[in-house]
PDB file of N, CA and C in Angstrom:
ATOM      1  N   MET A   1     -49.087  34.774  -7.302  1.00  0.00           N
ATOM      2  CA  MET A   1     -49.456  35.098  -5.946  1.00  0.00           C
ATOM      3  C   MET A   1     -48.530  36.193  -5.408  1.00  0.00           C
ATOM      4  N   THR A   2     -49.111  37.235  -4.888  1.00  0.00           N
ATOM      5  CA  THR A   2     -48.330  38.326  -4.319  1.00  0.00           C
ATOM      6  C   THR A   2     -48.020  38.010  -2.864  1.00  0.00           C
ATOM      7  N   ARG A   3     -46.773  38.132  -2.525  1.00  0.00           N
ATOM      8  CA  ARG A   3     -46.343  37.899  -1.148  1.00  0.00           C
ATOM      9  C   ARG A   3     -46.238  39.224  -0.415  1.00  0.00           C
ATOM     10  N   ARG A   4     -46.116  39.125   0.859  1.00  0.00           N
ATOM     11  CA  ARG A   4     -45.957  40.306   1.690  1.00  0.00           C
ATOM     12  C   ARG A   4     -44.472  40.631   1.819  1.00  0.00           C
ATOM     13  N   VAL A   5     -44.125  41.892   1.698  1.00  0.00           N
ATOM     14  CA  VAL A   5     -42.744  42.328   1.871  1.00  0.00           C
ATOM     15  C   VAL A   5     -42.622  42.938   3.261  1.00  0.00           C
ATOM     16  N   LEU A   6     -41.657  42.458   4.015  1.00  0.00           N
ATOM     17  CA  LEU A   6     -41.411  42.981   5.352  1.00  0.00           C
ATOM     18  C   LEU A   6     -40.262  43.983   5.283  1.00  0.00           C
ATOM     19  N   ILE A   7     -40.563  45.212   5.623  1.00  0.00           N
ATOM     20  CA  ILE A   7     -39.531  46.253   5.679  1.00  0.00           C
ATOM     21  C   ILE A   7     -39.185  46.435   7.150  1.00  0.00           C
ATOM     22  N   THR A   8     -37.989  46.015   7.517  1.00  0.00           N
ATOM     23  CA  THR A   8     -37.569  46.083   8.915  1.00  0.00           C
ATOM     24  C   THR A   8     -37.378  47.542   9.335  1.00  0.00           C
ATOM     25  N   PRO A   9     -37.386  47.804  10.630  1.00  0.00           N
ATOM     26  CA  PRO A   9     -37.139  49.177  11.089  1.00  0.00           C
ATOM     27  C   PRO A   9     -35.797  49.719  10.577  1.00  0.00           C
ATOM     28  N   LYS A  10     -34.774  48.867  10.536  1.00  0.00           N
ATOM     29  CA  LYS A  10     -33.460  49.299  10.029  1.00  0.00           C
ATOM     30  C   LYS A  10     -33.549  49.660   8.551  1.00  0.00           C
ATOM     31  N   ALA A  11     -34.255  48.850   7.767  1.00  0.00           N
ATOM     32  CA  ALA A  11     -34.404  49.140   6.344  1.00  0.00           C
ATOM     33  C   ALA A  11     -35.201  50.431   6.145  1.00  0.00           C
ATOM     34  N   SER A  12     -36.231  50.631   6.950  1.00  0.00           N
ATOM     35  CA  SER A  12     -37.029  51.858   6.864  1.00  0.00           C
ATOM     36  C   SER A  12     -36.161  53.075   7.175  1.00  0.00           C
ATOM     37  N   GLN A  13     -35.308  52.943   8.186  1.00  0.00           N
ATOM     38  CA  GLN A  13     -34.395  54.050   8.530  1.00  0.00           C
ATOM     39  C   GLN A  13     -33.402  54.295   7.396  1.00  0.00           C
ATOM     40  N   ASP A  14     -32.911  53.222   6.780  1.00  0.00           N
ATOM     41  CA  ASP A  14     -32.006  53.370   5.634  1.00  0.00           C
ATOM     42  C   ASP A  14     -32.693  54.138   4.501  1.00  0.00           C
ATOM     43  N   LEU A  15     -33.942  53.787   4.214  1.00  0.00           N
ATOM     44  CA  LEU A  15     -34.689  54.491   3.156  1.00  0.00           C
ATOM     45  C   LEU A  15     -34.847  55.971   3.494  1.00  0.00           C
ATOM     46  N   ASP A  16     -35.167  56.257   4.744  1.00  0.00           N
ATOM     47  CA  ASP A  16     -35.290  57.662   5.169  1.00  0.00           C
ATOM     48  C   ASP A  16     -33.966  58.400   5.032  1.00  0.00           C
ATOM     49  N   ASN A  17     -32.869  57.738   5.415  1.00  0.00           N
ATOM     50  CA  ASN A  17     -31.547  58.366   5.307  1.00  0.00           C
ATOM     51  C   ASN A  17     -31.166  58.629   3.851  1.00  0.00           C
ATOM     52  N   ILE A  18     -31.462  57.673   2.981  1.00  0.00           N
ATOM     53  CA  ILE A  18     -31.165  57.857   1.558  1.00  0.00           C
ATOM     54  C   ILE A  18     -31.993  59.010   1.005  1.00  0.00           C
ATOM     55  N   TYR A  19     -33.280  59.038   1.361  1.00  0.00           N
ATOM     56  CA  TYR A  19     -34.156  60.132   0.931  1.00  0.00           C
ATOM     57  C   TYR A  19     -33.568  61.477   1.380  1.00  0.00           C
ATOM     58  N   ASP A  20     -33.200  61.585   2.656  1.00  0.00           N
ATOM     59  CA  ASP A  20     -32.645  62.840   3.186  1.00  0.00           C
ATOM     60  C   ASP A  20     -31.368  63.231   2.456  1.00  0.00           C
ATOM     61  N   PHE A  21     -30.515  62.261   2.177  1.00  0.00           N
ATOM     62  CA  PHE A  21     -29.258  62.526   1.480  1.00  0.00           C
ATOM     63  C   PHE A  21     -29.515  63.082   0.082  1.00  0.00           C
ATOM     64  N   ILE A  22     -30.416  62.436  -0.657  1.00  0.00           N
ATOM     65  CA  ILE A  22     -30.722  62.882  -2.020  1.00  0.00           C
ATOM     66  C   ILE A  22     -31.419  64.237  -1.983  1.00  0.00           C
ATOM     67  N   ALA A  23     -32.312  64.429  -0.999  1.00  0.00           N
ATOM     68  CA  ALA A  23     -33.095  65.668  -0.902  1.00  0.00           C
ATOM     69  C   ALA A  23     -32.223  66.891  -0.614  1.00  0.00           C
ATOM     70  N   GLN A  24     -31.044  66.683  -0.068  1.00  0.00           N
ATOM     71  CA  GLN A  24     -30.143  67.817   0.176  1.00  0.00           C
ATOM     72  C   GLN A  24     -29.822  68.547  -1.116  1.00  0.00           C
ATOM     73  N   ASN A  25     -29.787  67.810  -2.224  1.00  0.00           N
ATOM     74  CA  ASN A  25     -29.480  68.404  -3.521  1.00  0.00           C
ATOM     75  C   ASN A  25     -30.702  68.578  -4.400  1.00  0.00           C
ATOM     76  N   ASN A  26     -31.704  67.674  -4.246  1.00  0.00           N
ATOM     77  CA  ASN A  26     -32.848  67.723  -5.147  1.00  0.00           C
ATOM     78  C   ASN A  26     -34.024  66.954  -4.537  1.00  0.00           C
ATOM     79  N   SER A  27     -34.986  67.680  -3.989  1.00  0.00           N
ATOM     80  CA  SER A  27     -36.116  67.021  -3.320  1.00  0.00           C
ATOM     81  C   SER A  27     -36.996  66.258  -4.313  1.00  0.00           C
ATOM     82  N   GLY A  28     -37.069  66.724  -5.547  1.00  0.00           N
ATOM     83  CA  GLY A  28     -37.852  66.017  -6.556  1.00  0.00           C
ATOM     84  C   GLY A  28     -37.273  64.646  -6.865  1.00  0.00           C
ATOM     85  N   ILE A  29     -35.961  64.567  -6.985  1.00  0.00           N
ATOM     86  CA  ILE A  29     -35.303  63.281  -7.236  1.00  0.00           C
ATOM     87  C   ILE A  29     -35.463  62.382  -6.013  1.00  0.00           C
ATOM     88  N   ALA A  30     -35.418  62.967  -4.820  1.00  0.00           N
ATOM     89  CA  ALA A  30     -35.602  62.180  -3.601  1.00  0.00           C
ATOM     90  C   ALA A  30     -36.985  61.523  -3.594  1.00  0.00           C
ATOM     91  N   LEU A  31     -38.008  62.264  -3.998  1.00  0.00           N
ATOM     92  CA  LEU A  31     -39.355  61.698  -4.089  1.00  0.00           C
ATOM     93  C   LEU A  31     -39.414  60.593  -5.133  1.00  0.00           C
ATOM     94  N   LYS A  32     -38.718  60.784  -6.248  1.00  0.00           N
ATOM     95  CA  LYS A  32     -38.674  59.750  -7.281  1.00  0.00           C
ATOM     96  C   LYS A  32     -37.987  58.496  -6.754  1.00  0.00           C
ATOM     97  N   PHE A  33     -36.944  58.673  -5.942  1.00  0.00           N
ATOM     98  CA  PHE A  33     -36.280  57.518  -5.338  1.00  0.00           C
ATOM     99  C   PHE A  33     -37.261  56.751  -4.456  1.00  0.00           C
ATOM    100  N   PHE A  34     -37.987  57.482  -3.614  1.00  0.00           N
ATOM    101  CA  PHE A  34     -38.927  56.836  -2.704  1.00  0.00           C
ATOM    102  C   PHE A  34     -39.989  56.069  -3.485  1.00  0.00           C
ATOM    103  N   ASP A  35     -40.517  56.669  -4.538  1.00  0.00           N
ATOM    104  CA  ASP A  35     -41.509  55.995  -5.386  1.00  0.00           C
ATOM    105  C   ASP A  35     -40.909  54.766  -6.064  1.00  0.00           C
ATOM    106  N   ALA A  36     -39.673  54.892  -6.549  1.00  0.00           N
ATOM    107  CA  ALA A  36     -39.006  53.766  -7.212  1.00  0.00           C
ATOM    108  C   ALA A  36     -38.777  52.627  -6.223  1.00  0.00           C
ATOM    109  N   ALA A  37     -38.425  52.952  -4.996  1.00  0.00           N
ATOM    110  CA  ALA A  37     -38.225  51.921  -3.978  1.00  0.00           C
ATOM    111  C   ALA A  37     -39.545  51.205  -3.694  1.00  0.00           C
ATOM    112  N   ARG A  38     -40.628  51.947  -3.563  1.00  0.00           N
ATOM    113  CA  ARG A  38     -41.940  51.322  -3.326  1.00  0.00           C
ATOM    114  C   ARG A  38     -42.343  50.423  -4.493  1.00  0.00           C
ATOM    115  N   GLN A  39     -42.088  50.876  -5.708  1.00  0.00           N
ATOM    116  CA  GLN A  39     -42.394  50.059  -6.890  1.00  0.00           C
ATOM    117  C   GLN A  39     -41.539  48.792  -6.900  1.00  0.00           C
ATOM    118  N   THR A  40     -40.291  48.915  -6.481  1.00  0.00           N
ATOM    119  CA  THR A  40     -39.406  47.761  -6.430  1.00  0.00           C
ATOM    120  C   THR A  40     -39.894  46.759  -5.389  1.00  0.00           C
ATOM    121  N   PHE A  41     -40.338  47.240  -4.234  1.00  0.00           N
ATOM    122  CA  PHE A  41     -40.892  46.343  -3.221  1.00  0.00           C
ATOM    123  C   PHE A  41     -42.112  45.610  -3.767  1.00  0.00           C
ATOM    124  N   SER A  42     -42.951  46.327  -4.478  1.00  0.00           N
ATOM    125  CA  SER A  42     -44.141  45.717  -5.078  1.00  0.00           C
ATOM    126  C   SER A  42     -43.749  44.640  -6.088  1.00  0.00           C
ATOM    127  N   GLN A  43     -42.750  44.953  -6.903  1.00  0.00           N
ATOM    128  CA  GLN A  43     -42.270  43.999  -7.904  1.00  0.00           C
ATOM    129  C   GLN A  43     -41.713  42.750  -7.218  1.00  0.00           C
ATOM    130  N   LEU A  44     -40.981  42.939  -6.141  1.00  0.00           N
ATOM    131  CA  LEU A  44     -40.420  41.801  -5.399  1.00  0.00           C
ATOM    132  C   LEU A  44     -41.519  40.964  -4.751  1.00  0.00           C
ATOM    133  N   ALA A  45     -42.570  41.610  -4.296  1.00  0.00           N
ATOM    134  CA  ALA A  45     -43.688  40.874  -3.695  1.00  0.00           C
ATOM    135  C   ALA A  45     -44.374  39.992  -4.730  1.00  0.00           C
ATOM    136  N   LYS A  46     -44.475  40.489  -5.954  1.00  0.00           N
ATOM    137  CA  LYS A  46     -45.128  39.728  -7.014  1.00  0.00           C
ATOM    138  C   LYS A  46     -44.215  38.650  -7.596  1.00  0.00           C
ATOM    139  N   ASN A  47     -42.912  38.889  -7.572  1.00  0.00           N
ATOM    140  CA  ASN A  47     -41.930  37.970  -8.167  1.00  0.00           C
ATOM    141  C   ASN A  47     -40.769  37.754  -7.196  1.00  0.00           C
ATOM    142  N   PRO A  48     -40.986  37.022  -6.105  1.00  0.00           N
ATOM    143  CA  PRO A  48     -39.943  36.904  -5.082  1.00  0.00           C
ATOM    144  C   PRO A  48     -38.669  36.189  -5.535  1.00  0.00           C
ATOM    145  N   GLY A  49     -38.710  35.514  -6.674  1.00  0.00           N
ATOM    146  CA  GLY A  49     -37.528  34.802  -7.140  1.00  0.00           C
ATOM    147  C   GLY A  49     -36.620  35.622  -8.044  1.00  0.00           C
ATOM    148  N   ILE A  50     -36.975  36.906  -8.277  1.00  0.00           N
ATOM    149  CA  ILE A  50     -36.133  37.717  -9.160  1.00  0.00           C
ATOM    150  C   ILE A  50     -34.877  38.157  -8.418  1.00  0.00           C
ATOM    151  N   GLY A  51     -33.938  38.618  -9.158  1.00  0.00           N
ATOM    152  CA  GLY A  51     -32.683  39.062  -8.577  1.00  0.00           C
ATOM    153  C   GLY A  51     -31.647  37.969  -8.615  1.00  0.00           C
ATOM    154  N   THR A  52     -30.476  38.326  -8.209  1.00  0.00           N
ATOM    155  CA  THR A  52     -29.385  37.358  -8.190  1.00  0.00           C
ATOM    156  C   THR A  52     -29.125  36.923  -6.760  1.00  0.00           C
ATOM    157  N   VAL A  53     -28.684  35.691  -6.628  1.00  0.00           N
ATOM    158  CA  VAL A  53     -28.374  35.162  -5.300  1.00  0.00           C
ATOM    159  C   VAL A  53     -27.161  35.901  -4.760  1.00  0.00           C
ATOM    160  N   TYR A  54     -27.247  36.302  -3.509  1.00  0.00           N
ATOM    161  CA  TYR A  54     -26.165  36.993  -2.819  1.00  0.00           C
ATOM    162  C   TYR A  54     -25.485  35.978  -1.914  1.00  0.00           C
ATOM    163  N   GLU A  55     -24.238  35.683  -2.229  1.00  0.00           N
ATOM    164  CA  GLU A  55     -23.496  34.657  -1.492  1.00  0.00           C
ATOM    165  C   GLU A  55     -23.177  35.144  -0.073  1.00  0.00           C
ATOM    166  N   VAL A  56     -23.592  34.350   0.902  1.00  0.00           N
ATOM    167  CA  VAL A  56     -23.338  34.668   2.305  1.00  0.00           C
ATOM    168  C   VAL A  56     -22.846  33.408   3.011  1.00  0.00           C
ATOM    169  N   SER A  57     -22.166  33.599   4.128  1.00  0.00           N
ATOM    170  CA  SER A  57     -21.647  32.448   4.864  1.00  0.00           C
ATOM    171  C   SER A  57     -22.593  31.994   5.973  1.00  0.00           C
ATOM    172  N   LYS A  58     -23.524  32.836   6.367  1.00  0.00           N
ATOM    173  CA  LYS A  58     -24.454  32.470   7.439  1.00  0.00           C
ATOM    174  C   LYS A  58     -25.543  31.555   6.885  1.00  0.00           C
ATOM    175  N   PRO A  59     -25.709  30.386   7.468  1.00  0.00           N
ATOM    176  CA  PRO A  59     -26.711  29.439   6.968  1.00  0.00           C
ATOM    177  C   PRO A  59     -28.130  30.009   6.953  1.00  0.00           C
ATOM    178  N   GLU A  60     -28.459  30.833   7.934  1.00  0.00           N
ATOM    179  CA  GLU A  60     -29.818  31.369   8.007  1.00  0.00           C
ATOM    180  C   GLU A  60     -30.122  32.379   6.895  1.00  0.00           C
ATOM    181  N   LEU A  61     -29.095  32.816   6.187  1.00  0.00           N
ATOM    182  CA  LEU A  61     -29.287  33.771   5.093  1.00  0.00           C
ATOM    183  C   LEU A  61     -29.108  33.135   3.716  1.00  0.00           C
ATOM    184  N   GLN A  62     -28.934  31.826   3.666  1.00  0.00           N
ATOM    185  CA  GLN A  62     -28.777  31.145   2.381  1.00  0.00           C
ATOM    186  C   GLN A  62     -30.003  31.417   1.517  1.00  0.00           C
ATOM    187  N   GLY A  63     -29.777  31.692   0.252  1.00  0.00           N
ATOM    188  CA  GLY A  63     -30.872  31.983  -0.671  1.00  0.00           C
ATOM    189  C   GLY A  63     -31.231  33.451  -0.737  1.00  0.00           C
ATOM    190  N   LEU A  64     -30.527  34.276   0.041  1.00  0.00           N
ATOM    191  CA  LEU A  64     -30.773  35.718   0.014  1.00  0.00           C
ATOM    192  C   LEU A  64     -30.516  36.247  -1.390  1.00  0.00           C
ATOM    193  N   ARG A  65     -31.381  37.107  -1.864  1.00  0.00           N
ATOM    194  CA  ARG A  65     -31.247  37.674  -3.206  1.00  0.00           C
ATOM    195  C   ARG A  65     -31.120  39.184  -3.116  1.00  0.00           C
ATOM    196  N   LYS A  66     -30.579  39.763  -4.186  1.00  0.00           N
ATOM    197  CA  LYS A  66     -30.460  41.224  -4.256  1.00  0.00           C
ATOM    198  C   LYS A  66     -31.075  41.703  -5.562  1.00  0.00           C
ATOM    199  N   TRP A  67     -31.628  42.912  -5.510  1.00  0.00           N
ATOM    200  CA  TRP A  67     -32.281  43.510  -6.673  1.00  0.00           C
ATOM    201  C   TRP A  67     -32.137  45.025  -6.574  1.00  0.00           C
ATOM    202  N   ARG A  68     -31.774  45.645  -7.674  1.00  0.00           N
ATOM    203  CA  ARG A  68     -31.545  47.086  -7.683  1.00  0.00           C
ATOM    204  C   ARG A  68     -32.853  47.867  -7.748  1.00  0.00           C
ATOM    205  N   VAL A  69     -32.840  49.046  -7.153  1.00  0.00           N
ATOM    206  CA  VAL A  69     -33.978  49.957  -7.251  1.00  0.00           C
ATOM    207  C   VAL A  69     -33.944  50.547  -8.659  1.00  0.00           C
ATOM    208  N   LYS A  70     -35.055  50.415  -9.374  1.00  0.00           N
ATOM    209  CA  LYS A  70     -35.124  50.863 -10.770  1.00  0.00           C
ATOM    210  C   LYS A  70     -34.741  52.338 -10.893  1.00  0.00           C
ATOM    211  N   LYS A  71     -33.845  52.613 -11.817  1.00  0.00           N
ATOM    212  CA  LYS A  71     -33.320  53.946 -12.125  1.00  0.00           C
ATOM    213  C   LYS A  71     -32.425  54.525 -11.029  1.00  0.00           C
ATOM    214  N   PHE A  72     -32.181  53.750  -9.983  1.00  0.00           N
ATOM    215  CA  PHE A  72     -31.267  54.152  -8.916  1.00  0.00           C
ATOM    216  C   PHE A  72     -30.348  52.965  -8.642  1.00  0.00           C
ATOM    217  N   ASP A  73     -29.530  52.648  -9.622  1.00  0.00           N
ATOM    218  CA  ASP A  73     -28.744  51.416  -9.621  1.00  0.00           C
ATOM    219  C   ASP A  73     -27.737  51.287  -8.479  1.00  0.00           C
ATOM    220  N   LYS A  74     -27.417  52.390  -7.823  1.00  0.00           N
ATOM    221  CA  LYS A  74     -26.478  52.308  -6.709  1.00  0.00           C
ATOM    222  C   LYS A  74     -27.144  51.769  -5.437  1.00  0.00           C
ATOM    223  N   TYR A  75     -28.470  51.649  -5.461  1.00  0.00           N
ATOM    224  CA  TYR A  75     -29.207  51.231  -4.281  1.00  0.00           C
ATOM    225  C   TYR A  75     -29.786  49.842  -4.506  1.00  0.00           C
ATOM    226  N   ILE A  76     -29.516  48.944  -3.564  1.00  0.00           N
ATOM    227  CA  ILE A  76     -29.883  47.533  -3.701  1.00  0.00           C
ATOM    228  C   ILE A  76     -30.780  47.131  -2.530  1.00  0.00           C
ATOM    229  N   ILE A  77     -31.790  46.343  -2.876  1.00  0.00           N
ATOM    230  CA  ILE A  77     -32.673  45.770  -1.859  1.00  0.00           C
ATOM    231  C   ILE A  77     -32.329  44.288  -1.748  1.00  0.00           C
ATOM    232  N   PHE A  78     -32.181  43.818  -0.512  1.00  0.00           N
ATOM    233  CA  PHE A  78     -31.888  42.401  -0.265  1.00  0.00           C
ATOM    234  C   PHE A  78     -33.144  41.713   0.222  1.00  0.00           C
TER     235      PHE A  78
END
């Protein structure tokens, strides 16, 4: 079952900022990042249990997971 992925306004702004940062040096790579992020969101929607648990102290965030954007390992989606 595919779930819905909610991209918050802050997360959307982060994606735009990352795109702009990468595009300063290479707009083609920036587009690849954006595509990789969308593919990662799709993968997370299909498999919400993937990734590793991210330890947090706030009870409302217990069970939060992290997963890297494919081919852009410095960027993590929570």
